[in-house]
């Protein structure tokens, strides 16, 4: 029985741990050879991606994530490393245990780094090898999260295409950054973690099925907002120009039923479209009516609102302070006093 832990005992413990690393290998048929057993390796990687971390640790005050807002952030690697080390320290009882853990921790850290990229594996995508990059992400609190549970999120390392262009770039494409985690933490709160620092982020309605809809006039005040439908050519399906404007020749006002705001009068709308749509012949068949009402999923682009390809956009998108530090400190102090009372 050892009564006193000497430097010699500590050195022996550390050397024994390194010898253990050299002879023990966990072989995973889907993930290669590692020092750390697969179940533990994936558990630690999930911690790195903030799984099972209380939401109050991420957003300590609801005012930091108000309704209909999005907040972009970096993850502090020192913080997540400390989280992993804290979990591992549960198994250390003696000083010798601690010495062994310190000796093997670099191998544990390397395994956890590589496993971060394998927690979320899109279907038919090749596995990404090597350690992860800087982790960024965003929290979004919005009705769109609860209304469209299957939102699409894409992040790109550079902006090299128009904001409304369709793309087939997979997550393994060099220009597209891998989404490490995408999860609804609450019905209206979405957390997304990204492997790297994106230049532009696309958030898009899901593309499952066929979607129909109308467009709100952005120039109207919210309490008097009207809706419009842009007219398409019945033969080609192309919108009547000008593409980015609503005019009397390329759009019609959407009629609503009396006493039922928001409920479209489909009969009257069909008549209006038939009069204006090219090659309609004065009437619309069911398939032509569907063509007129077809709307592609809405896409919100963050990072490059002016669509300046591969140009610096920080002056366009830089953070704007909405409350002074003095006022914020006063608000925090007042809330702390309420809690103490």
Protein backbone atom coordinates (compact mmCIF):
# COMPACT_ATOMS: atom_id res chain seq x y z
CA UNK A 1 0.00 0.00 0.00
CA UNK A 2 1.36 3.41 -1.01
CA UNK A 3 1.12 5.95 1.81
CA UNK A 4 2.84 8.85 0.05
CA UNK A 5 2.72 9.73 -3.64
CA UNK A 6 6.23 10.55 -4.74
CA UNK A 7 7.46 11.93 -8.05
CA UNK A 8 8.73 8.44 -8.87
CA UNK A 9 5.25 6.98 -8.41
CA UNK A 10 3.78 9.73 -10.59
CA UNK A 11 6.33 9.06 -13.31
CA UNK A 12 5.62 5.33 -13.22
CA UNK A 13 1.89 5.98 -13.50
CA UNK A 14 2.39 8.26 -16.51
CA UNK A 15 4.71 5.78 -18.25
CA UNK A 16 2.26 2.96 -17.62
CA UNK A 17 -0.51 5.02 -19.20
CA UNK A 18 1.61 5.66 -22.31
CA UNK A 19 2.42 1.97 -22.58
CA UNK A 20 -1.30 1.27 -22.42
CA UNK A 21 -1.89 3.65 -25.32
CA UNK A 22 0.68 1.80 -27.42
CA UNK A 23 -0.85 -1.66 -26.95
CA UNK A 24 -4.60 -0.96 -26.80
CA UNK A 25 -6.51 -0.14 -29.95
CA UNK A 26 -10.26 -0.01 -30.46
CA UNK A 27 -11.12 -1.25 -33.93
CA UNK A 28 -14.37 0.16 -35.31
CA UNK A 29 -15.33 -1.29 -38.73
CA UNK A 30 -17.07 2.00 -39.60
CA UNK A 31 -14.62 4.40 -38.00
CA UNK A 32 -11.14 2.88 -38.14
CA UNK A 33 -8.69 2.31 -35.28
CA UNK A 34 -8.72 4.52 -32.19
CA UNK A 35 -7.34 4.56 -28.67
CA UNK A 36 -10.65 5.52 -27.02
CA UNK A 37 -13.51 2.98 -27.17
CA UNK A 38 -16.21 3.95 -29.64
CA UNK A 39 -19.03 4.56 -27.19
CA UNK A 40 -16.90 6.83 -24.99
CA UNK A 41 -15.39 8.56 -28.02
CA UNK A 42 -18.81 9.45 -29.41
CA UNK A 43 -20.05 10.58 -25.98
CA UNK A 44 -17.14 13.01 -25.64
CA UNK A 45 -17.62 14.28 -29.20
CA UNK A 46 -21.30 14.91 -28.49
CA UNK A 47 -20.29 16.94 -25.44
CA UNK A 48 -18.03 19.00 -27.71
CA UNK A 49 -21.13 19.69 -29.83
CA UNK A 50 -23.07 20.82 -26.73
CA UNK A 51 -25.36 17.80 -26.51
CA UNK A 52 -26.93 17.51 -23.05
CA UNK A 53 -25.60 20.94 -22.07
CA UNK A 54 -28.41 22.88 -20.31
CA UNK A 55 -29.86 25.61 -22.49
CA UNK A 56 -29.43 28.15 -19.68
CA UNK A 57 -25.65 27.70 -20.09
CA UNK A 58 -25.93 28.70 -23.75
CA UNK A 59 -28.43 31.54 -23.34
CA UNK A 60 -28.45 32.73 -19.72
CA UNK A 61 -31.14 35.36 -20.31
CA UNK A 62 -34.15 35.29 -22.67
CA UNK A 63 -33.43 38.89 -23.71
CA UNK A 64 -30.26 37.62 -25.42
CA UNK A 65 -32.43 35.64 -27.84
CA UNK A 66 -35.61 37.67 -28.39
CA UNK A 67 -38.56 36.52 -30.48
CA UNK A 68 -37.89 36.49 -34.25
CA UNK A 69 -34.12 36.79 -33.94
CA UNK A 70 -30.96 34.95 -34.95
CA UNK A 71 -27.61 35.03 -33.17
CA UNK A 72 -24.34 33.86 -34.77
CA UNK A 73 -21.43 32.78 -32.58
CA UNK A 74 -18.08 30.99 -32.25
CA UNK A 75 -17.55 28.09 -29.85
CA UNK A 76 -14.67 28.57 -27.44
CA UNK A 77 -12.58 25.41 -27.72
CA UNK A 78 -11.10 26.05 -24.30
CA UNK A 79 -14.61 25.89 -22.84
CA UNK A 80 -15.53 22.60 -24.51
CA UNK A 81 -12.12 21.12 -23.66
CA UNK A 82 -12.73 22.03 -20.02
CA UNK A 83 -16.14 20.36 -20.28
CA UNK A 84 -14.57 17.12 -21.53
CA UNK A 85 -11.81 17.24 -18.93
CA UNK A 86 -14.39 17.73 -16.21
CA UNK A 87 -16.27 14.63 -17.31
CA UNK A 88 -13.07 12.56 -17.43
CA UNK A 89 -11.98 13.78 -14.00
CA UNK A 90 -14.92 11.91 -12.43
CA UNK A 91 -12.88 8.73 -12.81
CA UNK A 92 -9.77 10.10 -11.13
CA UNK A 93 -9.55 9.39 -7.40
CA UNK A 94 -5.86 9.50 -6.56
CA UNK A 95 -3.02 11.70 -7.72
CA UNK A 96 -1.69 8.76 -9.69
CA UNK A 97 -5.03 8.50 -11.52
CA UNK A 98 -4.71 12.14 -12.41
CA UNK A 99 -1.18 11.63 -13.71
CA UNK A 100 -2.36 8.77 -15.91
CA UNK A 101 -5.20 10.87 -17.31
CA UNK A 102 -2.87 13.75 -18.15
CA UNK A 103 -0.55 11.32 -19.96
CA UNK A 104 -3.27 9.88 -22.20
CA UNK A 105 -5.39 13.03 -22.57
CA UNK A 106 -3.69 14.18 -25.83
CA UNK A 107 -4.79 10.89 -27.44
CA UNK A 108 -8.31 11.27 -26.07
CA UNK A 109 -8.49 14.83 -27.37
CA UNK A 110 -7.33 13.79 -30.86
CA UNK A 111 -9.93 11.01 -31.02
CA UNK A 112 -12.69 13.37 -29.88
CA UNK A 113 -11.60 15.95 -32.48
CA UNK A 114 -11.92 13.44 -35.31
CA UNK A 115 -15.21 12.03 -34.05
CA UNK A 116 -16.93 15.44 -34.02
CA UNK A 117 -17.37 15.19 -37.78
CA UNK A 118 -18.98 11.74 -37.63
CA UNK A 119 -21.77 12.40 -35.13
CA UNK A 120 -24.03 13.69 -37.89
CA UNK A 121 -23.62 11.75 -41.15
CA UNK A 122 -25.76 12.81 -44.11
CA UNK A 123 -26.98 9.94 -46.26
CA UNK A 124 -24.58 8.78 -49.01
CA UNK A 125 -21.94 11.36 -48.04
CA UNK A 126 -18.26 10.34 -47.69
CA UNK A 127 -16.80 10.54 -44.21
CA UNK A 128 -14.67 13.60 -43.53
CA UNK A 129 -11.27 12.68 -42.13
CA UNK A 130 -9.06 14.64 -39.77
CA UNK A 131 -9.76 17.00 -36.92
CA UNK A 132 -12.54 19.55 -37.12
CA UNK A 133 -12.02 23.24 -37.81
CA UNK A 134 -13.14 26.22 -35.79
CA UNK A 135 -16.77 25.60 -34.85
CA UNK A 136 -19.25 28.38 -35.52
CA UNK A 137 -23.01 28.34 -35.50
CA UNK A 138 -26.22 30.17 -34.79
CA UNK A 139 -29.32 30.09 -32.63
CA UNK A 140 -32.58 31.10 -34.27
CA UNK A 141 -35.80 31.78 -32.43
CA UNK A 142 -38.64 32.18 -34.88
CA UNK A 143 -42.05 30.93 -35.93
CA UNK A 144 -40.40 29.60 -39.07
CA UNK A 145 -38.67 26.91 -36.96
CA UNK A 146 -41.98 25.53 -35.68
CA UNK A 147 -43.80 26.12 -38.97
CA UNK A 148 -41.16 24.38 -41.11
CA UNK A 149 -39.48 21.66 -38.98
CA UNK A 150 -37.35 20.47 -41.92
CA UNK A 151 -35.57 23.72 -42.75
CA UNK A 152 -32.51 23.46 -44.97
CA UNK A 153 -29.30 25.10 -43.77
CA UNK A 154 -26.25 25.43 -46.01
CA UNK A 155 -22.99 27.18 -45.19
CA UNK A 156 -20.29 28.09 -47.71
CA UNK A 157 -16.67 29.11 -47.23
CA UNK A 158 -16.99 31.63 -50.07
CA UNK A 159 -19.85 33.25 -51.93
CA UNK A 160 -19.51 32.14 -55.53
CA UNK A 161 -23.12 31.97 -56.77
CA UNK A 162 -26.22 34.17 -56.92
CA UNK A 163 -28.37 34.11 -53.80
CA UNK A 164 -31.33 32.53 -55.59
CA UNK A 165 -29.40 29.90 -57.56
CA UNK A 166 -30.15 26.21 -57.07
CA UNK A 167 -27.13 24.16 -56.12
CA UNK A 168 -26.22 20.49 -55.86
CA UNK A 169 -23.04 21.03 -53.84
CA UNK A 170 -22.79 18.27 -51.26
CA UNK A 171 -21.32 18.79 -47.80
CA UNK A 172 -18.14 17.11 -49.03
CA UNK A 173 -17.65 19.90 -51.61
CA UNK A 174 -14.61 22.08 -50.70
CA UNK A 175 -16.71 25.27 -50.87
CA UNK A 176 -19.46 23.96 -48.62
CA UNK A 177 -18.97 23.60 -44.87
CA UNK A 178 -20.28 20.59 -42.99
CA UNK A 179 -23.16 21.05 -40.58
CA UNK A 180 -22.02 19.27 -37.41
CA UNK A 181 -25.29 19.58 -35.55
CA UNK A 182 -28.76 20.83 -36.46
CA UNK A 183 -31.41 20.38 -33.81
CA UNK A 184 -34.56 22.02 -32.53
CA UNK A 185 -34.01 22.72 -28.84
CA UNK A 186 -37.60 23.93 -28.48
CA UNK A 187 -40.54 24.18 -30.91
CA UNK A 188 -39.34 27.61 -32.08
CA UNK A 189 -35.58 27.47 -31.31
CA UNK A 190 -33.06 26.00 -33.75
CA UNK A 191 -29.38 25.32 -32.98
CA UNK A 192 -26.92 24.82 -35.84
CA UNK A 193 -23.18 24.14 -35.50
CA UNK A 194 -20.90 24.48 -38.54
CA UNK A 195 -17.43 23.03 -39.17
CA UNK A 196 -15.53 26.19 -40.04
CA UNK A 197 -16.17 29.90 -40.52
CA UNK A 198 -18.70 30.50 -43.32
CA UNK A 199 -18.71 33.46 -45.66
CA UNK A 200 -22.40 33.04 -46.37
CA UNK A 201 -25.23 30.98 -44.84
CA UNK A 202 -28.46 29.98 -46.60
CA UNK A 203 -31.59 29.12 -44.59
CA UNK A 204 -34.31 27.77 -46.84
CA UNK A 205 -37.79 26.35 -46.61
CA UNK A 206 -37.88 22.58 -47.24
CA UNK A 207 -38.14 21.48 -50.86
CA UNK A 208 -40.34 18.44 -50.33
CA UNK A 209 -43.34 18.38 -52.67
CA UNK A 210 -44.85 21.27 -54.65
CA UNK A 211 -45.41 24.60 -52.93
CA UNK A 212 -47.93 27.28 -53.75
CA UNK A 213 -48.26 30.75 -52.31
CA UNK A 214 -48.52 34.49 -52.71
CA UNK A 215 -46.12 37.34 -52.03
CA UNK A 216 -46.60 40.07 -49.48
CA UNK A 217 -45.96 43.60 -50.66
CA UNK A 218 -42.88 44.68 -48.66
CA UNK A 219 -43.79 48.37 -49.03
CA UNK A 220 -47.06 48.02 -47.13
CA UNK A 221 -47.20 48.62 -43.36
CA UNK A 222 -47.80 45.41 -41.37
CA UNK A 223 -51.37 46.34 -40.38
CA UNK A 224 -52.35 47.10 -44.01
CA UNK A 225 -50.23 44.57 -45.87
CA UNK A 226 -51.58 43.34 -49.16
CA UNK A 227 -50.66 40.24 -51.14
CA UNK A 228 -49.83 39.83 -54.80
CA UNK A 229 -49.25 37.02 -57.29
CA UNK A 230 -46.71 37.46 -60.06
CA UNK A 231 -48.01 36.31 -63.40
CA UNK A 232 -46.29 33.61 -65.47
CA UNK A 233 -46.39 32.82 -69.18
CA UNK A 234 -48.61 29.75 -69.58
CA UNK A 235 -46.41 28.34 -72.33
CA UNK A 236 -42.99 28.74 -70.74
CA UNK A 237 -43.70 29.15 -67.01
CA UNK A 238 -41.39 32.17 -66.89
CA UNK A 239 -42.45 35.17 -64.78
CA UNK A 240 -43.47 38.26 -66.68
CA UNK A 241 -40.71 40.90 -66.36
CA UNK A 242 -39.54 42.93 -64.57
CA UNK A 243 -38.46 40.10 -62.27
CA UNK A 244 -37.81 42.08 -59.07
CA UNK A 245 -40.72 44.52 -59.22
CA UNK A 246 -44.49 44.40 -58.89
CA UNK A 247 -46.27 46.26 -61.69
CA UNK A 248 -49.80 46.39 -63.08
CA UNK A 249 -48.71 44.27 -66.03
CA UNK A 250 -46.86 41.49 -64.20
CA UNK A 251 -48.90 40.95 -61.02
CA UNK A 252 -52.42 40.92 -59.60
CA UNK A 253 -53.77 41.74 -56.15
CA UNK A 254 -54.89 38.75 -54.11
CA UNK A 255 -58.56 38.96 -53.10
CA UNK A 256 -59.62 37.71 -49.67
CA UNK A 257 -63.00 36.49 -48.56
CA UNK A 258 -65.19 39.00 -46.75
CA UNK A 259 -65.07 38.61 -42.99
CA UNK A 260 -62.23 36.08 -43.24
CA UNK A 261 -58.87 37.89 -43.40
CA UNK A 262 -56.12 35.70 -44.82
CA UNK A 263 -58.49 33.31 -46.60
CA UNK A 264 -57.97 33.68 -50.36
CA UNK A 265 -60.96 33.95 -52.69
CA UNK A 266 -59.66 31.42 -55.21
CA UNK A 267 -62.46 32.00 -57.77
CA UNK A 268 -61.85 35.73 -58.08
CA UNK A 269 -58.07 35.25 -58.08
CA UNK A 270 -58.37 32.77 -60.93
CA UNK A 271 -60.35 35.28 -62.98
CA UNK A 272 -57.78 38.01 -62.39
CA UNK A 273 -54.88 35.78 -63.40
CA UNK A 274 -56.68 34.59 -66.53
CA UNK A 275 -57.07 38.17 -67.77
CA UNK A 276 -53.38 39.03 -67.35
CA UNK A 277 -51.42 35.79 -67.90
CA UNK A 278 -49.84 35.54 -71.40
CA UNK A 279 -51.20 32.69 -73.59
CA UNK A 280 -54.08 32.02 -71.20
CA UNK A 281 -56.86 32.47 -73.76
CA UNK A 282 -58.97 34.30 -71.17
CA UNK A 283 -59.32 31.29 -68.85
CA UNK A 284 -57.14 29.04 -66.75
CA UNK A 285 -57.30 25.25 -66.59
CA UNK A 286 -56.48 23.57 -63.31
CA UNK A 287 -52.89 22.85 -64.31
CA UNK A 288 -52.41 26.41 -65.59
CA UNK A 289 -53.83 27.81 -62.35
CA UNK A 290 -51.37 25.65 -60.41
CA UNK A 291 -48.53 26.99 -62.59
CA UNK A 292 -49.49 30.57 -61.73
CA UNK A 293 -49.58 29.83 -58.01
CA UNK A 294 -46.29 27.91 -57.95
CA UNK A 295 -43.74 29.40 -55.58
CA UNK A 296 -40.19 28.23 -54.99
CA UNK A 297 -39.12 27.83 -51.35
CA UNK A 298 -38.08 31.07 -49.73
CA UNK A 299 -34.39 31.42 -48.97
CA UNK A 300 -32.86 33.84 -46.49
CA UNK A 301 -29.20 34.63 -47.11
CA UNK A 302 -26.89 35.82 -44.33
CA UNK A 303 -23.48 37.23 -45.10
CA UNK A 304 -23.81 38.87 -48.50
CA UNK A 305 -27.10 40.78 -48.96
CA UNK A 306 -25.77 42.72 -51.94
CA UNK A 307 -24.62 39.51 -53.64
CA UNK A 308 -21.07 40.78 -54.08
CA UNK A 309 -19.35 37.55 -55.10
CA UNK A 310 -16.06 36.87 -53.35
CA UNK A 311 -15.84 40.46 -52.05
CA UNK A 312 -15.46 41.57 -48.45
CA UNK A 313 -18.89 42.15 -46.93
CA UNK A 314 -18.06 43.04 -43.36
CA UNK A 315 -19.03 46.69 -43.73
CA UNK A 316 -22.41 45.56 -45.01
CA UNK A 317 -23.08 43.03 -42.31
CA UNK A 318 -21.05 44.16 -39.34
CA UNK A 319 -22.62 44.03 -35.91
CA UNK A 320 -24.56 47.16 -34.93
CA UNK A 321 -24.91 47.93 -31.24
CA UNK A 322 -28.54 48.51 -30.25
CA UNK A 323 -28.02 49.16 -26.53
CA UNK A 324 -25.18 50.88 -24.71
CA UNK A 325 -23.07 48.94 -22.24
CA UNK A 326 -24.13 51.35 -19.49
CA UNK A 327 -27.83 50.67 -20.12
CA UNK A 328 -27.19 46.93 -20.39
CA UNK A 329 -25.35 46.88 -17.07
CA UNK A 330 -28.23 48.76 -15.45
CA UNK A 331 -30.73 46.22 -16.87
CA UNK A 332 -28.70 43.27 -15.60
CA UNK A 333 -28.28 44.85 -12.15
CA UNK A 334 -32.01 45.52 -11.90
CA UNK A 335 -32.84 41.91 -12.78
CA UNK A 336 -30.27 40.59 -10.28
CA UNK A 337 -31.84 42.71 -7.55
CA UNK A 338 -35.26 41.26 -8.38
CA UNK A 339 -33.90 37.74 -8.03
CA UNK A 340 -32.19 38.53 -4.73
CA UNK A 341 -35.39 40.03 -3.36
